[in-house]
């Protein structure tokens, strides 16, 4: 999965943010998330990075 696709996937599934595209409206571009959602999203991104690093070393 490409980095932008992964970021969008995490935003949608974990943070419940429908898009990472700029929409030029504060109520659409700024989102409130809980610390546990943020922790889960960061851990998911970290694990994807670890997996990608292992895959690139093997390939």
C-alpha atoms as a PDB file:
ATOM      1  CA  UNK A   1       0.000   0.000   0.000  1.00  0.00           C
ATOM      2  CA  UNK A   2       1.342   3.427  -0.919  1.00  0.00           C
ATOM      3  CA  UNK A   3       2.037   5.881   1.946  1.00  0.00           C
ATOM      4  CA  UNK A   4      -0.802   8.246   0.960  1.00  0.00           C
ATOM      5  CA  UNK A   5      -3.211   5.330   0.631  1.00  0.00           C
ATOM      6  CA  UNK A   6      -2.152   4.001   4.040  1.00  0.00           C
ATOM      7  CA  UNK A   7      -2.583   7.430   5.647  1.00  0.00           C
ATOM      8  CA  UNK A   8      -6.063   7.743   4.145  1.00  0.00           C
ATOM      9  CA  UNK A   9      -6.955   4.221   5.276  1.00  0.00           C
ATOM     10  CA  UNK A  10      -5.841   4.951   8.850  1.00  0.00           C
ATOM     11  CA  UNK A  11      -7.654   8.292   8.879  1.00  0.00           C
ATOM     12  CA  UNK A  12     -10.886   6.686   7.712  1.00  0.00           C
ATOM     13  CA  UNK A  13     -10.843   3.480   9.745  1.00  0.00           C
ATOM     14  CA  UNK A  14      -9.256   4.630  13.008  1.00  0.00           C
ATOM     15  CA  UNK A  15      -9.835   8.377  13.235  1.00  0.00           C
ATOM     16  CA  UNK A  16     -13.177   8.464  11.353  1.00  0.00           C
ATOM     17  CA  UNK A  17     -11.917  11.239   9.069  1.00  0.00           C
ATOM     18  CA  UNK A  18     -13.469  10.706   5.619  1.00  0.00           C
ATOM     19  CA  UNK A  19     -10.720  12.351   3.545  1.00  0.00           C
ATOM     20  CA  UNK A  20      -7.285  13.870   3.941  1.00  0.00           C
ATOM     21  CA  UNK A  21      -7.929  16.287   1.097  1.00  0.00           C
ATOM     22  CA  UNK A  22      -8.103  19.979   1.971  1.00  0.00           C
ATOM     23  CA  UNK A  23     -11.687  21.249   1.740  1.00  0.00           C
ATOM     24  CA  UNK A  24     -11.130  24.897   2.774  1.00  0.00           C
ATOM     25  CA  UNK A  25     -13.721  24.870   5.545  1.00  0.00           C
ATOM     26  CA  UNK A  26     -12.687  24.772   9.190  1.00  0.00           C
ATOM     27  CA  UNK A  27     -15.497  22.402  10.172  1.00  0.00           C
ATOM     28  CA  UNK A  28     -14.325  19.959   7.499  1.00  0.00           C
ATOM     29  CA  UNK A  29     -10.545  20.420   7.722  1.00  0.00           C
ATOM     30  CA  UNK A  30     -10.123  20.296  11.513  1.00  0.00           C
ATOM     31  CA  UNK A  31     -11.114  17.144  13.357  1.00  0.00           C
ATOM     32  CA  UNK A  32     -11.258  16.246  17.021  1.00  0.00           C
ATOM     33  CA  UNK A  33      -9.869  12.818  17.926  1.00  0.00           C
ATOM     34  CA  UNK A  34      -9.386  11.041  21.218  1.00  0.00           C
ATOM     35  CA  UNK A  35      -5.940  10.183  22.511  1.00  0.00           C
ATOM     36  CA  UNK A  36      -6.701   6.462  22.248  1.00  0.00           C
ATOM     37  CA  UNK A  37      -7.684   6.853  18.592  1.00  0.00           C
ATOM     38  CA  UNK A  38      -4.489   8.808  17.954  1.00  0.00           C
ATOM     39  CA  UNK A  39      -2.403   6.148  19.736  1.00  0.00           C
ATOM     40  CA  UNK A  40      -4.027   3.395  17.666  1.00  0.00           C
ATOM     41  CA  UNK A  41      -3.452   5.314  14.418  1.00  0.00           C
ATOM     42  CA  UNK A  42       0.201   5.989  15.237  1.00  0.00           C
ATOM     43  CA  UNK A  43       0.782   2.350  16.212  1.00  0.00           C
ATOM     44  CA  UNK A  44      -0.839   1.188  12.971  1.00  0.00           C
ATOM     45  CA  UNK A  45       1.411   3.499  10.938  1.00  0.00           C
ATOM     46  CA  UNK A  46       4.484   2.332  12.868  1.00  0.00           C
ATOM     47  CA  UNK A  47       3.651  -1.332  12.310  1.00  0.00           C
ATOM     48  CA  UNK A  48       3.155  -0.682   8.593  1.00  0.00           C
ATOM     49  CA  UNK A  49       6.594   0.940   8.480  1.00  0.00           C
ATOM     50  CA  UNK A  50       8.206  -2.006  10.260  1.00  0.00           C
ATOM     51  CA  UNK A  51       6.507  -4.423   7.872  1.00  0.00           C
ATOM     52  CA  UNK A  52       7.613  -2.378   4.848  1.00  0.00           C
ATOM     53  CA  UNK A  53      11.215  -2.295   6.091  1.00  0.00           C
ATOM     54  CA  UNK A  54      11.263  -6.079   6.577  1.00  0.00           C
ATOM     55  CA  UNK A  55       9.769  -6.633   3.131  1.00  0.00           C
ATOM     56  CA  UNK A  56      12.331  -4.381   1.429  1.00  0.00           C
ATOM     57  CA  UNK A  57      15.216  -6.212   3.147  1.00  0.00           C
ATOM     58  CA  UNK A  58      13.863  -9.593   2.052  1.00  0.00           C
ATOM     59  CA  UNK A  59      13.186  -8.528  -1.537  1.00  0.00           C
END
